[in-house]
Protein backbone atom coordinates (compact mmCIF):
# COMPACT_ATOMS: atom_id res chain seq x y z
CA MET A 1 -0.05 -0.01 0.04
CA ARG A 2 1.40 3.35 -1.00
CA SER A 3 2.10 5.66 1.87
CA ILE A 4 0.53 9.13 2.00
CA ASN A 5 2.75 12.02 2.92
CA ARG A 6 2.05 14.98 5.10
CA ARG A 7 1.93 17.38 2.22
CA THR A 8 -0.69 15.26 0.34
CA VAL A 9 -2.85 15.26 3.43
CA LEU A 10 -2.74 18.93 3.87
CA ARG A 11 -3.67 19.60 0.18
CA ALA A 12 -6.67 17.39 0.64
CA LEU A 13 -7.89 19.11 3.84
CA GLY A 14 -7.34 22.48 2.16
CA ALA A 15 -9.52 21.33 -0.73
CA MET A 16 -12.23 20.13 1.56
CA SER A 17 -12.15 23.39 3.54
CA ALA A 18 -12.63 25.31 0.22
CA LEU A 19 -15.57 23.28 -0.83
CA ALA A 20 -17.33 23.97 2.59
CA VAL A 21 -17.47 27.69 1.73
CA VAL A 22 -18.50 27.38 -1.98
CA PRO A 23 -22.13 28.20 -2.25
CA ARG A 24 -24.44 25.28 -2.99
CA ALA A 25 -25.59 27.00 -6.15
CA VAL A 26 -22.08 26.71 -7.49
CA LEU A 27 -21.74 23.07 -6.64
CA ALA A 28 -24.95 22.05 -8.19
CA ALA A 29 -27.11 23.69 -10.82
CA TYR A 30 -30.26 25.47 -9.61
CA PRO A 31 -32.89 24.23 -9.51
CA GLU A 32 -32.54 20.50 -8.38
CA ARG A 33 -36.03 20.13 -7.18
CA ALA A 34 -39.47 21.60 -7.35
CA VAL A 35 -39.91 25.29 -6.42
CA ARG A 36 -42.77 26.41 -4.05
CA LEU A 37 -44.66 29.51 -4.93
CA ILE A 38 -46.66 30.71 -1.89
CA VAL A 39 -49.95 32.49 -2.57
CA PRO A 40 -50.94 34.24 0.71
CA PHE A 41 -54.69 34.14 -0.17
CA ALA A 42 -57.29 31.38 -0.89
CA PRO A 43 -57.53 29.79 -4.43
CA GLY A 44 -59.48 31.64 -7.02
CA GLY A 45 -58.43 35.28 -6.47
CA ASN A 46 -56.16 37.40 -8.80
CA ALA A 47 -52.92 36.55 -6.83
CA ASP A 48 -53.75 32.94 -7.25
CA ILE A 49 -54.64 33.00 -10.89
CA VAL A 50 -51.53 34.89 -11.81
CA ALA A 51 -49.45 32.77 -9.74
CA ARG A 52 -50.56 29.57 -11.50
CA LEU A 53 -50.22 31.14 -14.75
CA VAL A 54 -46.81 32.63 -14.23
CA GLY A 55 -45.70 29.60 -12.26
CA ALA A 56 -46.40 27.26 -15.24
CA GLY A 57 -44.36 29.45 -17.48
CA MET A 58 -41.43 29.56 -14.99
CA ALA A 59 -41.48 25.71 -14.66
CA GLU A 60 -40.79 25.46 -18.43
CA SER A 61 -37.64 27.62 -18.20
CA LEU A 62 -36.42 26.19 -14.88
CA GLY A 63 -36.95 22.52 -15.79
CA GLN A 64 -38.34 21.83 -12.53
CA PRO A 65 -42.10 22.05 -11.32
CA VAL A 66 -43.30 25.34 -9.68
CA VAL A 67 -45.87 24.19 -7.10
CA VAL A 68 -48.45 26.74 -6.05
CA GLU A 69 -49.23 26.56 -2.44
CA ASN A 70 -52.11 28.55 -0.87
CA ARG A 71 -51.32 29.87 2.77
CA ALA A 72 -54.24 32.12 3.43
CA GLY A 73 -54.71 34.31 6.49
CA ALA A 74 -54.37 37.76 8.05
CA GLY A 75 -54.89 39.61 4.74
CA GLY A 76 -51.90 37.77 3.26
CA SER A 77 -49.50 38.26 6.16
CA ILE A 78 -49.41 34.54 7.15
CA GLY A 79 -48.24 33.36 3.70
CA ALA A 80 -45.81 36.18 3.41
CA GLU A 81 -44.21 35.48 6.66
CA VAL A 82 -43.66 31.84 5.55
CA VAL A 83 -41.61 32.98 2.70
CA ALA A 84 -39.73 35.69 4.68
CA ARG A 85 -38.52 33.08 7.12
CA ALA A 86 -37.75 30.27 4.64
CA ALA A 87 -34.16 29.45 3.57
CA PRO A 88 -32.79 32.00 0.91
CA ASP A 89 -32.12 29.27 -1.62
CA GLY A 90 -34.55 29.97 -4.33
CA TYR A 91 -37.02 27.09 -3.59
CA THR A 92 -39.58 29.18 -1.78
CA LEU A 93 -41.18 32.24 -3.51
CA LEU A 94 -44.01 34.57 -2.76
CA SER A 95 -46.77 35.83 -5.02
CA GLY A 96 -46.84 39.12 -3.54
CA SER A 97 -49.44 41.95 -3.80
CA ASN A 98 -50.59 45.14 -2.11
CA GLY A 99 -52.04 43.62 1.01
CA PRO A 100 -49.01 41.80 2.53
CA LEU A 101 -46.34 44.14 0.92
CA THR A 102 -47.75 47.74 1.23
CA VAL A 103 -51.06 47.81 3.11
CA ASN A 104 -50.76 45.49 6.08
CA PRO A 105 -47.70 47.31 7.59
CA PHE A 106 -49.94 50.26 8.33
CA VAL A 107 -52.99 48.35 9.66
CA GLN A 108 -51.54 45.32 11.45
CA ALA A 109 -49.80 45.82 14.69
CA LYS A 110 -47.99 42.40 14.83
CA LEU A 111 -46.52 41.90 11.47
CA GLY A 112 -43.92 39.00 11.48
CA TYR A 113 -41.77 40.50 8.60
CA ASP A 114 -40.45 43.53 7.16
CA PRO A 115 -41.67 43.97 3.64
CA LEU A 116 -38.84 46.20 2.47
CA LYS A 117 -36.07 44.32 4.15
CA ASP A 118 -37.00 40.54 4.41
CA PHE A 119 -37.72 40.00 0.65
CA ALA A 120 -35.72 40.01 -2.54
CA PRO A 121 -38.04 41.22 -5.36
CA VAL A 122 -37.69 39.03 -8.58
CA GLY A 123 -40.02 41.21 -10.79
CA LEU A 124 -43.49 42.64 -11.09
CA THR A 125 -45.92 40.61 -13.27
CA SER A 126 -49.05 42.76 -13.73
CA LEU A 127 -51.28 45.55 -12.46
CA VAL A 128 -54.97 45.86 -12.47
CA ALA A 129 -55.97 49.60 -12.20
CA HIS A 130 -58.47 50.84 -9.68
CA ALA A 131 -61.48 52.60 -11.06
CA LEU A 132 -64.41 54.66 -9.91
CA ILE A 133 -67.70 53.24 -11.04
CA VAL A 134 -71.28 54.48 -10.35
CA ASN A 135 -74.81 53.10 -10.67
CA ALA A 136 -76.44 53.86 -13.92
CA ALA A 137 -78.91 56.23 -12.10
CA VAL A 138 -76.34 58.51 -10.64
CA SER A 139 -76.37 61.88 -12.54
CA ALA A 140 -72.70 62.56 -12.64
CA LYS A 141 -71.08 61.56 -15.87
CA THR A 142 -67.64 62.90 -15.49
CA LEU A 143 -65.06 62.94 -12.66
CA PRO A 144 -65.51 66.80 -12.00
CA GLU A 145 -69.33 66.26 -11.91
CA LEU A 146 -68.93 63.44 -9.37
CA ILE A 147 -66.72 65.47 -7.12
CA ALA A 148 -69.03 68.41 -7.27
CA LEU A 149 -72.08 65.98 -6.69
CA SER A 150 -70.29 64.70 -3.55
CA LYS A 151 -70.08 68.21 -2.07
CA GLN A 152 -73.84 68.78 -2.48
CA GLN A 153 -75.21 65.32 -1.22
CA GLN A 154 -74.12 62.06 0.21
CA VAL A 155 -72.42 59.82 -2.26
CA GLY A 156 -71.70 56.31 -0.88
CA ILE A 157 -68.73 54.67 -2.32
CA GLY A 158 -68.10 50.90 -1.54
CA THR A 159 -64.55 49.44 -1.19
CA SER A 160 -63.40 45.90 -0.36
CA GLY A 161 -62.97 46.76 3.30
CA ILE A 162 -61.38 49.12 5.87
CA GLY A 163 -57.68 49.20 5.21
CA SER A 164 -57.94 47.54 1.77
CA ALA A 165 -55.91 48.81 -1.14
CA THR A 166 -59.18 50.36 -2.70
CA HIS A 167 -59.96 52.01 0.61
CA LEU A 168 -56.62 53.59 0.66
CA THR A 169 -57.10 54.69 -3.02
CA LEU A 170 -60.44 56.33 -2.14
CA GLU A 171 -58.83 58.23 0.75
CA ARG A 172 -56.00 59.51 -1.61
CA PHE A 173 -58.48 60.54 -4.05
CA ASN A 174 -60.62 62.39 -1.63
CA ALA A 175 -57.48 64.37 -0.31
CA ALA A 176 -56.23 64.94 -3.77
CA THR A 177 -59.63 66.52 -5.24
CA GLY A 178 -61.42 67.78 -2.11
CA ALA A 179 -64.19 65.44 -2.82
CA LYS A 180 -66.44 64.12 -0.05
CA LEU A 181 -67.14 60.70 -1.12
CA LEU A 182 -68.36 58.64 1.70
CA HIS A 183 -66.51 55.42 2.42
CA VAL A 184 -68.70 52.33 2.70
CA PRO A 185 -66.52 49.38 3.64
CA TYR A 186 -67.61 45.72 2.54
CA LYS A 187 -65.80 42.45 3.27
CA GLY A 188 -64.69 41.78 -0.26
CA GLY A 189 -66.36 42.31 -3.60
CA GLY A 190 -69.08 39.58 -3.16
CA SER A 191 -71.71 41.85 -1.71
CA LEU A 192 -70.42 45.17 -2.92
CA MET A 193 -71.35 44.70 -6.66
CA PRO A 194 -74.84 43.53 -6.10
CA ASP A 195 -75.41 46.54 -3.68
CA LEU A 196 -74.11 48.88 -6.47
CA LEU A 197 -76.36 47.54 -9.05
CA ALA A 198 -79.33 47.68 -6.66
CA GLY A 199 -78.55 51.33 -5.89
CA THR A 200 -77.90 50.66 -2.20
CA ILE A 201 -74.61 52.56 -2.73
CA GLN A 202 -73.97 55.07 -5.41
CA GLY A 203 -70.62 53.76 -6.62
CA ALA A 204 -67.44 51.80 -5.86
CA MET A 205 -63.78 52.17 -5.93
CA THR A 206 -62.72 48.84 -7.16
CA GLU A 207 -60.55 46.84 -9.51
CA PHE A 208 -61.24 47.71 -13.12
CA SER A 209 -61.49 44.05 -14.14
CA ALA A 210 -64.07 43.23 -11.51
CA ALA A 211 -66.46 46.04 -12.52
CA LEU A 212 -65.89 45.79 -16.35
CA PRO A 213 -68.84 43.45 -17.08
CA HIS A 214 -71.21 45.73 -15.46
CA HIS A 215 -69.92 48.78 -17.28
CA LYS A 216 -70.35 46.85 -20.48
CA SER A 217 -73.97 45.74 -19.61
CA GLY A 218 -74.98 49.32 -18.96
CA LYS A 219 -76.13 48.53 -15.38
CA ALA A 220 -73.30 50.76 -14.11
CA ARG A 221 -70.84 53.22 -15.61
CA PHE A 222 -67.13 53.86 -15.20
CA VAL A 223 -66.41 57.44 -14.26
CA ALA A 224 -62.61 57.27 -14.52
CA ILE A 225 -59.75 54.77 -14.22
CA ALA A 226 -56.70 55.37 -12.04
CA SER A 227 -54.16 54.50 -14.72
CA ALA A 228 -51.54 56.37 -16.68
CA ARG A 229 -53.37 55.77 -19.88
CA ARG A 230 -56.77 54.49 -21.12
CA THR A 231 -57.17 50.98 -21.59
CA ALA A 232 -58.13 49.15 -24.93
CA LEU A 233 -60.78 47.09 -22.92
CA ALA A 234 -62.80 50.30 -22.36
CA ALA A 235 -61.22 53.05 -24.43
CA GLU A 236 -64.20 55.29 -23.67
CA VAL A 237 -63.37 55.63 -19.99
CA PRO A 238 -61.06 58.52 -19.23
CA THR A 239 -58.16 58.41 -16.77
CA MET A 240 -58.27 60.28 -13.56
CA ILE A 241 -55.45 62.39 -14.73
CA GLU A 242 -57.59 63.45 -17.71
CA GLY A 243 -60.40 64.28 -15.27
CA GLY A 244 -57.94 66.80 -13.60
CA VAL A 245 -56.39 64.74 -10.87
CA LYS A 246 -52.58 65.33 -11.52
CA ASP A 247 -50.42 62.29 -11.70
CA PHE A 248 -53.17 60.00 -9.83
CA THR A 249 -52.59 56.36 -10.41
CA ALA A 250 -53.45 53.36 -8.19
CA ALA A 251 -53.66 49.55 -9.01
CA SER A 252 -53.77 46.16 -7.40
CA TYR A 253 -50.41 44.46 -8.45
CA ILE A 254 -48.87 41.00 -8.43
CA GLY A 255 -45.20 40.23 -8.41
CA VAL A 256 -42.68 37.42 -7.41
CA LEU A 257 -40.50 37.72 -4.52
CA ALA A 258 -37.83 35.51 -2.77
CA PRO A 259 -36.50 35.71 0.74
CA ALA A 260 -33.73 38.29 1.20
CA GLY A 261 -30.24 36.88 0.79
CA VAL A 262 -30.92 34.52 -2.24
CA PRO A 263 -27.69 34.08 -4.22
CA ALA A 264 -27.16 36.37 -7.21
CA ASP A 265 -26.95 33.62 -9.69
CA VAL A 266 -30.15 31.94 -8.53
CA MET A 267 -31.88 35.37 -8.71
CA ALA A 268 -30.70 35.71 -12.21
CA ARG A 269 -32.19 32.33 -13.13
CA LEU A 270 -35.45 33.22 -11.37
CA GLN A 271 -35.76 36.58 -13.18
CA ALA A 272 -35.04 35.13 -16.53
CA ALA A 273 -37.65 32.52 -15.86
CA LEU A 274 -40.24 35.05 -14.81
CA LEU A 275 -39.48 37.16 -17.90
CA ALA A 276 -40.04 34.26 -20.26
CA ALA A 277 -43.30 33.45 -18.41
CA ILE A 278 -44.65 36.98 -18.56
CA ASN A 279 -43.81 37.62 -22.13
CA SER A 280 -45.27 34.12 -23.44
CA PRO A 281 -48.21 34.58 -25.68
CA LYS A 282 -50.33 32.55 -23.50
CA THR A 283 -49.80 34.65 -20.42
CA GLN A 284 -50.25 37.89 -22.43
CA GLU A 285 -53.62 36.70 -23.76
CA ARG A 286 -54.70 35.64 -20.12
CA PHE A 287 -53.75 39.09 -18.87
CA ARG A 288 -55.89 40.75 -21.32
CA GLU A 289 -58.84 38.62 -20.39
CA LEU A 290 -58.24 39.48 -16.75
CA GLY A 291 -58.15 43.26 -17.59
CA ALA A 292 -54.58 43.27 -16.26
CA GLU A 293 -51.88 45.55 -17.58
CA THR A 294 -48.35 43.98 -18.06
CA ALA A 295 -45.61 45.43 -15.94
CA THR A 296 -43.08 47.55 -17.78
CA PRO A 297 -39.64 45.96 -18.69
CA GLU A 298 -38.16 47.97 -15.98
CA GLN A 299 -40.68 46.80 -13.33
CA MET A 300 -40.03 43.27 -14.33
CA THR A 301 -36.46 43.57 -12.99
CA PRO A 302 -35.45 43.17 -9.29
CA ALA A 303 -34.38 46.76 -9.05
CA GLY A 304 -37.45 48.01 -10.84
CA PHE A 305 -39.91 46.10 -8.71
CA ALA A 306 -38.01 47.14 -5.56
CA SER A 307 -38.41 50.78 -6.55
CA PHE A 308 -42.17 50.22 -7.27
CA ILE A 309 -42.73 48.62 -3.89
CA ARG A 310 -41.06 51.38 -1.97
CA GLN A 311 -43.14 54.02 -3.91
CA ASP A 312 -46.31 52.20 -3.23
CA PHE A 313 -45.36 51.68 0.43
CA GLU A 314 -44.98 55.55 0.97
CA ARG A 315 -48.37 56.22 -0.94
CA SER A 316 -50.01 53.71 1.46
CA ARG A 317 -48.42 55.38 4.45
CA GLU A 318 -49.81 58.62 3.30
CA ALA A 319 -53.25 57.30 2.63
CA ALA A 320 -53.33 55.47 6.12
CA GLN A 321 -52.53 58.80 7.77
CA ILE A 322 -55.19 60.53 5.88
CA ALA A 323 -57.73 57.86 6.78
CA GLY A 324 -56.70 57.92 10.50
CA LEU A 325 -56.04 54.12 10.32
CA LYS A 326 -54.52 52.48 13.34
CA LYS A 327 -52.59 49.27 13.60
CA GLU A 328 -54.71 46.55 15.14
């Protein structure tokens, strides 16, 4: 048996030590197994639909399944916390939206994560603009007319609840225009739209896509949409900017995030896979059906999505202060 000298042993030990500090992503190509995409809401909502659509596209690029897992509760905070505390290895992702990222920090006292520090944004996928829609019997046809009407009589405007994204948009709108639209909170859109159509409330601040069928049927009427430009799905509806509200935009958004600390090469793989998924013809067609606007190329990047989150975070902070919301 050949003897092993001291120098050989030292070289072998040195090689083992070097391997110990090499990131796992370098030693084995990412991904080696299925990736979890956590949706912090129940199945069937916008965050879930987009997650399944984008997840399927990402799986094609990554060569591994992307398994959507619904972890509902606390307005999205429970699922978001699961991702924030997960290992930063790229195998657990979040389908993030307004609630857990830029609304809950101002309405929940015991948030188990920091949305600005505990996540690594991969990219924004899509946005659905908020819009003001009124019952067909309401006399106001334009945004200035609705603002004026709200100063003369009570105009009840429904949202999906106190502290919801649409509630914060309504508060920002009132502050920006001097309107006195009365907030009428609902627990989601299930009972909001029937009450709007029945005339129980005069209007709603809601997601454009949710109200579009009622606008098309003539039972209700969009007054304005809070987007930077008109949408091809209802080109006759002016933007709030056109209605005189300077630079006013608001939307419900969906994006993909990882836990903070994911290695750069893994983030690059994830971002490339997300881009391919978003830009596929199937995804684009489905976005159009959902009334969703695809994110800009800049917003699809980690830096662009991070900037978007910070801006929306500050808008929500301002709106929460205007509404006098307190963390509970």
